[in-house]
């Protein structure tokens, strides 16, 4: 009796586990995309800072 119940539970869990894994992967992908967007924004900000500082340096060097 327990073996039949145990097998039924295992079979019932497999589709949910695959769906849960898919949802987890989707969430992790979204987090990675946000992290990438933040990194790109940081790089863009650093590039703007460098251009600004170079312009100030050139102005002071004249």
Protein backbone atom coordinates (compact mmCIF):
# COMPACT_ATOMS: atom_id res chain seq x y z
CA UNK A 1 0.00 0.00 0.00
CA UNK A 2 2.74 2.45 0.86
CA UNK A 3 4.72 1.55 -2.26
CA UNK A 4 1.81 2.41 -4.54
CA UNK A 5 1.22 5.70 -2.74
CA UNK A 6 4.90 6.53 -2.81
CA UNK A 7 5.14 5.88 -6.55
CA UNK A 8 2.05 7.98 -7.21
CA UNK A 9 3.50 10.88 -5.24
CA UNK A 10 6.81 10.63 -7.08
CA UNK A 11 5.06 10.60 -10.45
CA UNK A 12 2.87 13.53 -9.43
CA UNK A 13 5.90 15.54 -8.25
CA UNK A 14 8.00 15.20 -11.40
CA UNK A 15 6.00 17.64 -13.58
CA UNK A 16 5.84 20.15 -10.74
CA UNK A 17 9.57 19.82 -10.15
CA UNK A 18 10.29 20.51 -13.81
CA UNK A 19 7.97 23.52 -13.73
CA UNK A 20 9.57 24.74 -10.51
CA UNK A 21 13.02 24.34 -12.04
CA UNK A 22 11.90 26.31 -15.07
CA UNK A 23 10.50 29.09 -12.87
CA UNK A 24 13.71 29.15 -10.86
CA UNK A 25 15.81 29.41 -14.00
CA UNK A 26 13.60 32.23 -15.31
CA UNK A 27 14.02 34.14 -12.03
CA UNK A 28 17.79 33.62 -12.09
CA UNK A 29 17.92 34.81 -15.71
CA UNK A 30 15.98 37.96 -14.81
CA UNK A 31 18.36 38.63 -11.91
CA UNK A 32 21.34 38.17 -14.23
CA UNK A 33 19.80 40.55 -16.77
CA UNK A 34 19.29 43.18 -14.05
CA UNK A 35 22.87 42.69 -12.89
CA UNK A 36 24.11 43.12 -16.47
CA UNK A 37 22.04 46.28 -16.92
CA UNK A 38 23.49 47.73 -13.72
CA UNK A 39 27.01 46.87 -14.83
CA UNK A 40 26.42 48.52 -18.21
CA UNK A 41 25.10 51.63 -16.47
CA UNK A 42 28.18 51.70 -14.26
CA UNK A 43 30.48 51.41 -17.27
CA UNK A 44 28.60 54.16 -19.09
CA UNK A 45 28.84 56.37 -16.01
CA UNK A 46 32.57 55.71 -15.76
CA UNK A 47 33.05 56.59 -19.43
CA UNK A 48 31.22 59.89 -18.91
CA UNK A 49 33.38 60.62 -15.84
CA UNK A 50 36.55 59.91 -17.83
CA UNK A 51 35.48 62.21 -20.67
CA UNK A 52 34.60 64.96 -18.21
CA UNK A 53 37.88 64.62 -16.32
CA UNK A 54 39.88 64.57 -19.56
CA UNK A 55 38.15 67.77 -20.65
CA UNK A 56 38.96 69.44 -17.31
CA UNK A 57 42.57 68.27 -17.53
CA UNK A 58 42.91 69.70 -21.03
CA UNK A 59 41.33 72.97 -19.93
CA UNK A 60 43.73 73.28 -16.98
CA UNK A 61 46.73 72.33 -19.11
CA UNK A 62 46.15 75.28 -21.48
